[in-house]
Amino acid sequence: MGEMILSLEGLKQERKLINEIDWEMTPEMAVRMYLEWGNIWAHGDRRHVVRSKKDYSVYFVVNCWASPSYINLIRMNSEEAVDLAKFELPEAFKKPACKVKGIYALEGELKDWMRKELNAA
């Protein structure tokens, strides 16, 4: 799919996509669900069971591998992870969100801020 990667402003216009965001999904859960099929049962999480490649999750990650750091909105299924939106992590959240290089879930005040920005409280 040659989808354009949205900015934060662009994402704000995509109400249908905002409604699909799984605010509880973490990068670790997504990997378990989609890349280690079936393993999720061992973790007792029955909400998220992948039955086919039509199943997908839309969730945010904080990418702290480089500076500047970014927030990415990802759609993941058992075959691929696609960036839907990407925008710079606001300065105020850089220290708490990116203590160490890596990929992190949206948490705490950053998650609250993102929900407010997208009017998805």
C-alpha atoms as a PDB file:
ATOM      1  CA  MET A   1       0.000   0.000   0.000  1.00  0.00           C
ATOM      2  CA  GLY A   2       1.454   3.335  -0.959  1.00  0.00           C
ATOM      3  CA  GLU A   3      -0.163   5.101   1.964  1.00  0.00           C
ATOM      4  CA  MET A   4       1.199   8.458   2.959  1.00  0.00           C
ATOM      5  CA  ILE A   5       2.606   8.706   6.462  1.00  0.00           C
ATOM      6  CA  LEU A   6       0.519  11.239   8.347  1.00  0.00           C
ATOM      7  CA  SER A   7       1.772  14.122  10.477  1.00  0.00           C
ATOM      8  CA  LEU A   8       0.109  14.815  13.830  1.00  0.00           C
ATOM      9  CA  GLU A   9      -2.049  17.463  12.138  1.00  0.00           C
ATOM     10  CA  GLY A  10      -2.967  14.997   9.393  1.00  0.00           C
ATOM     11  CA  LEU A  11      -3.792  12.285  11.916  1.00  0.00           C
ATOM     12  CA  LYS A  12      -6.172  14.651  13.729  1.00  0.00           C
ATOM     13  CA  GLN A  13      -8.335  14.669  10.576  1.00  0.00           C
ATOM     14  CA  GLU A  14      -8.593  10.860  10.478  1.00  0.00           C
ATOM     15  CA  ARG A  15     -11.386  10.179  12.970  1.00  0.00           C
ATOM     16  CA  LYS A  16     -11.947   6.600  11.745  1.00  0.00           C
ATOM     17  CA  LEU A  17      -8.263   5.783  12.269  1.00  0.00           C
ATOM     18  CA  ILE A  18      -8.188   7.457  15.696  1.00  0.00           C
ATOM     19  CA  ASN A  19     -11.133   5.269  16.705  1.00  0.00           C
ATOM     20  CA  GLU A  20      -9.114   2.161  15.772  1.00  0.00           C
ATOM     21  CA  ILE A  21      -6.186   2.974  18.064  1.00  0.00           C
ATOM     22  CA  ASP A  22      -5.598   0.360  20.745  1.00  0.00           C
ATOM     23  CA  TRP A  23      -4.389   2.544  23.625  1.00  0.00           C
ATOM     24  CA  GLU A  24      -3.375  -0.469  25.733  1.00  0.00           C
ATOM     25  CA  MET A  25      -1.254  -2.178  23.065  1.00  0.00           C
ATOM     26  CA  THR A  26       2.499  -2.157  23.643  1.00  0.00           C
ATOM     27  CA  PRO A  27       5.297  -3.047  21.218  1.00  0.00           C
ATOM     28  CA  GLU A  28       5.960  -6.205  23.257  1.00  0.00           C
ATOM     29  CA  MET A  29       2.330  -7.333  23.085  1.00  0.00           C
ATOM     30  CA  ALA A  30       2.210  -6.694  19.346  1.00  0.00           C
ATOM     31  CA  VAL A  31       5.301  -8.809  18.739  1.00  0.00           C
ATOM     32  CA  ARG A  32       3.877 -11.604  20.878  1.00  0.00           C
ATOM     33  CA  MET A  33       0.531 -11.483  19.087  1.00  0.00           C
ATOM     34  CA  TYR A  34       1.608 -11.154  15.497  1.00  0.00           C
ATOM     35  CA  LEU A  35       5.109 -12.560  15.289  1.00  0.00           C
ATOM     36  CA  GLU A  36       4.817 -15.370  17.813  1.00  0.00           C
ATOM     37  CA  TRP A  37       1.375 -16.599  16.761  1.00  0.00           C
ATOM     38  CA  GLY A  38      -0.605 -18.389  19.396  1.00  0.00           C
ATOM     39  CA  ASN A  39       1.884 -17.619  22.140  1.00  0.00           C
ATOM     40  CA  ILE A  40      -0.550 -15.063  23.540  1.00  0.00           C
ATOM     41  CA  TRP A  41      -2.661 -17.845  25.107  1.00  0.00           C
ATOM     42  CA  ALA A  42       0.234 -18.669  27.386  1.00  0.00           C
ATOM     43  CA  HIS A  43       0.007 -15.126  28.732  1.00  0.00           C
ATOM     44  CA  GLY A  44      -3.683 -15.418  29.533  1.00  0.00           C
ATOM     45  CA  ASP A  45      -4.752 -12.471  27.374  1.00  0.00           C
ATOM     46  CA  ARG A  46      -7.910 -13.599  25.601  1.00  0.00           C
ATOM     47  CA  ARG A  47      -8.844 -10.123  24.315  1.00  0.00           C
ATOM     48  CA  HIS A  48      -6.247 -10.314  21.597  1.00  0.00           C
ATOM     49  CA  VAL A  49      -6.303 -13.493  19.577  1.00  0.00           C
ATOM     50  CA  VAL A  50      -5.014 -13.415  16.027  1.00  0.00           C
ATOM     51  CA  ARG A  51      -7.033 -15.666  13.773  1.00  0.00           C
ATOM     52  CA  SER A  52      -5.904 -14.504  10.333  1.00  0.00           C
ATOM     53  CA  LYS A  53      -3.886 -11.854   8.568  1.00  0.00           C
ATOM     54  CA  LYS A  54      -7.058  -9.754   8.405  1.00  0.00           C
ATOM     55  CA  ASP A  55      -6.595  -9.231  12.140  1.00  0.00           C
ATOM     56  CA  TYR A  56      -4.518  -6.175  12.918  1.00  0.00           C
ATOM     57  CA  SER A  57      -3.784  -3.661  15.651  1.00  0.00           C
ATOM     58  CA  VAL A  58      -3.223   0.083  15.426  1.00  0.00           C
ATOM     59  CA  TYR A  59      -1.031   1.449  18.198  1.00  0.00           C
ATOM     60  CA  PHE A  60       1.580   4.055  19.073  1.00  0.00           C
ATOM     61  CA  VAL A  61       5.252   3.521  19.816  1.00  0.00           C
ATOM     62  CA  VAL A  62       7.893   5.982  20.952  1.00  0.00           C
ATOM     63  CA  ASN A  63      11.036   5.527  18.854  1.00  0.00           C
ATOM     64  CA  CYS A  64      14.038   6.549  20.936  1.00  0.00           C
ATOM     65  CA  TRP A  65      16.792   5.118  18.722  1.00  0.00           C
ATOM     66  CA  ALA A  66      17.908   8.473  17.369  1.00  0.00           C
ATOM     67  CA  SER A  67      17.634  12.146  18.101  1.00  0.00           C
ATOM     68  CA  PRO A  68      15.167  13.638  17.423  1.00  0.00           C
ATOM     69  CA  SER A  69      12.917  10.910  18.821  1.00  0.00           C
ATOM     70  CA  TYR A  70       9.583  10.179  17.153  1.00  0.00           C
ATOM     71  CA  ILE A  71       6.120   8.926  17.944  1.00  0.00           C
ATOM     72  CA  ASN A  72       4.937   6.430  15.322  1.00  0.00           C
ATOM     73  CA  LEU A  73       1.423   5.119  14.785  1.00  0.00           C
ATOM     74  CA  ILE A  74       1.708   1.569  13.474  1.00  0.00           C
ATOM     75  CA  ARG A  75      -0.723  -0.898  11.928  1.00  0.00           C
ATOM     76  CA  MET A  76       0.548  -4.414  12.500  1.00  0.00           C
ATOM     77  CA  ASN A  77      -0.695  -7.773  11.320  1.00  0.00           C
ATOM     78  CA  SER A  78       0.985 -11.163  11.068  1.00  0.00           C
ATOM     79  CA  GLU A  79       2.783 -10.147   7.864  1.00  0.00           C
ATOM     80  CA  GLU A  80       3.938  -6.564   8.296  1.00  0.00           C
ATOM     81  CA  ALA A  81       4.100  -3.424  10.400  1.00  0.00           C
ATOM     82  CA  VAL A  82       3.213  -0.241   8.504  1.00  0.00           C
ATOM     83  CA  ASP A  83       3.835   3.309   9.704  1.00  0.00           C
ATOM     84  CA  LEU A  84       0.583   5.291   9.461  1.00  0.00           C
ATOM     85  CA  ALA A  85       1.772   8.462  11.180  1.00  0.00           C
ATOM     86  CA  LYS A  86       5.093   9.821  12.411  1.00  0.00           C
ATOM     87  CA  PHE A  87       5.893  13.015  14.255  1.00  0.00           C
ATOM     88  CA  GLU A  88       8.548  14.328  16.574  1.00  0.00           C
ATOM     89  CA  LEU A  89       8.261  13.559  20.271  1.00  0.00           C
ATOM     90  CA  PRO A  90       7.496  16.871  22.035  1.00  0.00           C
ATOM     91  CA  GLU A  91      10.468  18.260  23.954  1.00  0.00           C
ATOM     92  CA  ALA A  92       8.594  18.080  27.278  1.00  0.00           C
ATOM     93  CA  PHE A  93       8.386  14.269  27.035  1.00  0.00           C
ATOM     94  CA  LYS A  94      11.888  13.509  25.749  1.00  0.00           C
ATOM     95  CA  LYS A  95      13.551  12.855  29.099  1.00  0.00           C
ATOM     96  CA  PRO A  96      10.803  10.769  30.724  1.00  0.00           C
ATOM     97  CA  ALA A  97      10.010   8.770  27.565  1.00  0.00           C
ATOM     98  CA  CYS A  98      13.538   8.165  26.252  1.00  0.00           C
ATOM     99  CA  LYS A  99      15.775   7.282  29.178  1.00  0.00           C
ATOM    100  CA  VAL A 100      17.518   4.600  27.092  1.00  0.00           C
ATOM    101  CA  LYS A 101      17.630   3.999  23.321  1.00  0.00           C
ATOM    102  CA  GLY A 102      14.832   1.699  22.181  1.00  0.00           C
ATOM    103  CA  ILE A 103      11.168   1.426  21.229  1.00  0.00           C
ATOM    104  CA  TYR A 104       8.619   2.077  23.950  1.00  0.00           C
ATOM    105  CA  ALA A 105       4.896   2.097  24.602  1.00  0.00           C
ATOM    106  CA  LEU A 106       3.020   5.368  25.013  1.00  0.00           C
ATOM    107  CA  GLU A 107       2.577   5.754  28.769  1.00  0.00           C
ATOM    108  CA  GLY A 108       1.558   8.101  31.544  1.00  0.00           C
ATOM    109  CA  GLU A 109       1.456  11.808  30.780  1.00  0.00           C
ATOM    110  CA  LEU A 110       2.577  11.255  27.194  1.00  0.00           C
ATOM    111  CA  LYS A 111      -0.395   8.937  26.566  1.00  0.00           C
ATOM    112  CA  ASP A 112      -2.729  11.453  28.248  1.00  0.00           C
ATOM    113  CA  TRP A 113      -1.336  14.259  26.086  1.00  0.00           C
ATOM    114  CA  MET A 114      -1.733  12.201  22.897  1.00  0.00           C
ATOM    115  CA  ARG A 115      -5.348  11.333  23.729  1.00  0.00           C
ATOM    116  CA  LYS A 116      -6.096  15.015  24.308  1.00  0.00           C
ATOM    117  CA  GLU A 117      -4.395  16.014  21.046  1.00  0.00           C
ATOM    118  CA  LEU A 118      -6.502  13.491  19.131  1.00  0.00           C
ATOM    119  CA  ASN A 119      -9.645  14.222  21.101  1.00  0.00           C
ATOM    120  CA  ALA A 120      -9.804  10.545  22.026  1.00  0.00           C
ATOM    121  CA  ALA A 121     -10.168  10.830  25.798  1.00  0.00           C
END
